[in-house]
Amino acid sequence: MSDQASLESIADVVSQRSLPPVASWHPELTRDIDIRIARNGDWFHEGTKIDRARMVKLFSTILRVDDDATCLVTPQERLRIVVEDAPFTAILMEVQGEADEQVLTFETNVGDRVIADAEHPVTVSYATPGGEPSPYVLVRDRLTALISRTVFYQLAELAEERNGVLGVVSKGCFMPLSDQAAVDSGAV
């Protein structure tokens, strides 16, 4: 089956529902497909950007992170793809309430909305202590969204210090934004 035929069959399966039960699908056929999700959230097929937002949104609903790869999954096949960082990008954030009653809602580049809480935490990783932050929010299952720089600046404006750690609160859950290793070493 050609990659183009696979893409069309996937779009047909996905268009029938908004969030298919990909966790319960265990197809016997696994192969690679030339799809790449860039760090900025753009999708590419065979090196060409997929400009059809509806197609990207449809494919995003059948993404699954397995132990060995991120895949597009249908009941018939599992297609391994390349993800440069996170499969989604958080491009907008809404803030409601204040202090411990504050609620942060993120919207991704594919239209998913997620409220940051204990089950959908904001996390920040640092390649090197004191280096550039890579902030994420868990969208669903093991799928994360890289928080865009603009949104991360908005988060930083909301940050408060608790026990020497800078972080934000959403739904009563404190989520650290600072590099704790750098704080502990005195580098920050």
Protein backbone atom coordinates (compact mmCIF):
# COMPACT_ATOMS: atom_id res chain seq x y z
CA MET A 1 0.00 0.00 0.00
CA SER A 2 1.42 3.39 -0.96
CA ASP A 3 1.93 6.15 1.62
CA GLN A 4 -0.73 8.24 -0.18
CA ALA A 5 -3.26 5.39 0.00
CA SER A 6 -2.41 4.93 3.69
CA LEU A 7 -2.97 8.64 4.35
CA GLU A 8 -6.35 8.53 2.65
CA SER A 9 -7.46 5.39 4.54
CA ILE A 10 -6.35 6.95 7.81
CA ALA A 11 -8.31 10.12 7.06
CA ASP A 12 -11.40 8.00 6.35
CA VAL A 13 -11.11 6.15 9.68
CA VAL A 14 -10.50 9.30 11.68
CA SER A 15 -13.23 11.40 10.10
CA GLN A 16 -15.83 9.04 11.56
CA ARG A 17 -15.08 10.08 15.18
CA SER A 18 -13.35 12.88 17.00
CA LEU A 19 -11.14 10.77 19.30
CA PRO A 20 -10.87 7.15 18.26
CA PRO A 21 -9.96 4.57 20.93
CA VAL A 22 -6.34 4.25 19.76
CA ALA A 23 -5.22 2.81 23.11
CA SER A 24 -7.35 -0.27 22.48
CA TRP A 25 -6.15 -0.84 18.91
CA HIS A 26 -3.36 -3.39 18.52
CA PRO A 27 -2.82 -3.87 14.79
CA GLU A 28 -0.47 -6.59 13.62
CA LEU A 29 1.03 -4.48 10.83
CA THR A 30 3.66 -1.91 11.84
CA ARG A 31 5.72 0.10 9.40
CA ASP A 32 7.38 3.46 8.96
CA ILE A 33 5.77 6.32 7.07
CA ASP A 34 7.56 9.49 5.98
CA ILE A 35 5.70 11.89 8.24
CA ARG A 36 7.54 14.30 10.50
CA ILE A 37 6.20 16.72 13.07
CA ALA A 38 8.60 19.65 13.39
CA ARG A 39 9.38 21.30 16.74
CA ASN A 40 7.09 24.21 15.83
CA GLY A 41 4.14 21.85 15.25
CA ASP A 42 4.22 21.80 11.44
CA TRP A 43 3.53 18.42 9.84
CA PHE A 44 5.46 17.17 6.80
CA HIS A 45 4.79 14.23 4.47
CA GLU A 46 7.68 13.12 2.26
CA GLY A 47 9.40 16.45 2.99
CA THR A 48 6.43 18.61 1.98
CA LYS A 49 4.51 20.59 4.56
CA ILE A 50 0.94 19.40 5.04
CA ASP A 51 -0.99 22.66 4.64
CA ARG A 52 -4.45 21.15 5.01
CA ALA A 53 -5.24 21.98 8.64
CA ARG A 54 -8.19 19.60 8.65
CA MET A 55 -5.97 16.67 7.65
CA VAL A 56 -3.42 17.51 10.36
CA LYS A 57 -6.20 17.77 12.92
CA LEU A 58 -7.63 14.42 11.84
CA PHE A 59 -4.24 12.71 12.03
CA SER A 60 -3.62 14.23 15.46
CA THR A 61 -6.60 12.29 16.81
CA ILE A 62 -5.00 8.94 16.00
CA LEU A 63 -1.57 9.69 17.44
CA ARG A 64 -0.26 7.39 20.12
CA VAL A 65 3.06 7.30 21.94
CA ASP A 66 4.26 3.73 22.33
CA ASP A 67 7.43 2.65 24.09
CA ASP A 68 9.32 2.44 20.79
CA ALA A 69 7.84 5.32 18.78
CA THR A 70 5.11 7.85 18.16
CA CYS A 71 2.62 6.36 15.74
CA LEU A 72 -0.49 6.99 13.73
CA VAL A 73 -2.72 4.06 14.67
CA THR A 74 -5.73 2.50 13.00
CA PRO A 75 -7.30 -0.88 13.69
CA GLN A 76 -5.38 -2.23 10.67
CA GLU A 77 -1.91 -0.70 11.01
CA ARG A 78 0.52 1.24 13.16
CA LEU A 79 2.60 3.80 11.27
CA ARG A 80 5.76 5.06 12.99
CA ILE A 81 6.44 8.76 12.44
CA VAL A 82 9.20 11.18 13.43
CA VAL A 83 8.47 13.80 16.07
CA GLU A 84 11.24 16.35 16.59
CA ASP A 85 10.07 17.37 20.06
CA ALA A 86 6.39 17.11 21.04
CA PRO A 87 3.51 16.15 18.76
CA PHE A 88 1.55 19.30 19.63
CA THR A 89 2.29 22.96 20.34
CA ALA A 90 0.39 24.95 22.97
CA ILE A 91 -0.30 28.22 21.18
CA LEU A 92 -2.83 29.90 23.48
CA MET A 93 -3.49 30.07 27.20
CA GLU A 94 -6.49 31.37 29.11
CA VAL A 95 -6.30 32.29 32.79
CA GLN A 96 -9.34 32.24 35.02
CA GLY A 97 -9.39 32.97 38.74
CA GLU A 98 -6.52 33.89 41.04
CA ALA A 99 -4.13 32.31 43.56
CA ASP A 100 -4.98 28.69 44.37
CA GLU A 101 -8.31 29.06 42.50
CA GLN A 102 -6.48 29.88 39.25
CA VAL A 103 -7.24 27.67 36.24
CA LEU A 104 -4.96 27.59 33.19
CA THR A 105 -6.46 26.32 29.93
CA PHE A 106 -4.19 25.66 26.96
CA GLU A 107 -5.16 25.34 23.31
CA THR A 108 -2.96 23.42 20.90
CA ASN A 109 -2.16 23.99 17.26
CA VAL A 110 -4.67 21.25 16.38
CA GLY A 111 -7.50 22.68 18.47
CA ASP A 112 -7.24 20.47 21.56
CA ARG A 113 -8.05 22.27 24.81
CA VAL A 114 -6.62 21.06 28.08
CA ILE A 115 -6.83 22.38 31.63
CA ALA A 116 -3.53 22.11 33.49
CA ASP A 117 -3.97 20.06 36.65
CA ALA A 118 -2.46 17.05 38.42
CA GLU A 119 -3.43 14.77 35.52
CA HIS A 120 -2.35 17.28 32.85
CA PRO A 121 0.68 18.95 34.41
CA VAL A 122 2.90 21.66 33.05
CA THR A 123 6.51 20.44 33.13
CA VAL A 124 9.74 22.12 32.13
CA SER A 125 12.92 20.35 31.12
CA TYR A 126 16.37 21.84 30.67
CA ALA A 127 19.01 20.29 28.41
CA THR A 128 21.68 21.86 30.61
CA PRO A 129 21.38 23.41 34.10
CA GLY A 130 20.47 27.07 33.68
CA GLY A 131 19.95 26.55 29.93
CA GLU A 132 16.95 27.23 27.73
CA PRO A 133 13.69 25.81 29.07
CA SER A 134 11.53 23.36 27.13
CA PRO A 135 8.04 23.68 28.69
CA TYR A 136 5.27 21.15 28.05
CA VAL A 137 1.70 20.40 29.05
CA LEU A 138 0.35 16.85 28.96
CA VAL A 139 -2.60 16.81 26.55
CA ARG A 140 -3.76 13.19 26.71
CA ASP A 141 -2.28 9.79 27.39
CA ARG A 142 1.46 10.27 26.75
CA LEU A 143 0.99 13.07 24.18
CA THR A 144 2.46 16.43 25.15
CA ALA A 145 2.35 19.92 23.72
CA LEU A 146 5.46 22.08 23.62
CA ILE A 147 4.39 25.40 25.12
CA SER A 148 5.20 28.18 22.66
CA ARG A 149 7.63 30.88 23.73
CA THR A 150 4.85 33.52 23.86
CA VAL A 151 2.68 31.33 26.08
CA PHE A 152 5.65 30.45 28.29
CA TYR A 153 6.28 34.18 28.82
CA GLN A 154 2.64 34.48 29.93
CA LEU A 155 3.22 31.60 32.34
CA ALA A 156 6.36 33.26 33.68
CA GLU A 157 4.36 36.41 34.44
CA LEU A 158 2.04 34.27 36.60
CA ALA A 159 4.90 32.52 38.39
CA GLU A 160 5.20 32.65 42.14
CA GLU A 161 7.86 31.31 44.45
CA ARG A 162 7.12 28.47 46.84
CA ASN A 163 9.92 26.97 48.93
CA GLY A 164 12.52 28.53 46.64
CA VAL A 165 10.93 27.18 43.45
CA LEU A 166 9.23 29.32 40.80
CA GLY A 167 6.04 27.83 39.44
CA VAL A 168 2.42 28.33 38.53
CA VAL A 169 -0.83 27.09 40.02
CA SER A 170 -3.74 25.59 38.13
CA LYS A 171 -6.68 23.83 39.76
CA GLY A 172 -4.85 23.91 43.09
CA CYS A 173 -1.77 22.11 41.70
CA PHE A 174 1.61 23.89 41.93
CA MET A 175 3.77 23.16 38.87
CA PRO A 176 7.46 24.18 38.92
CA LEU A 177 8.80 26.22 36.02
CA SER A 178 12.33 26.79 37.28
CA ASP A 179 15.30 24.54 36.74
CA GLN A 180 15.54 22.90 40.15
CA ALA A 181 19.02 21.49 39.41
CA ALA A 182 20.29 25.01 38.68
CA VAL A 183 18.56 26.36 41.79
CA ASP A 184 20.11 23.62 43.94
CA SER A 185 23.58 24.27 42.52
CA GLY A 186 23.28 28.05 42.90
CA ALA A 187 23.59 28.63 39.13
CA VAL A 188 20.36 30.61 39.01
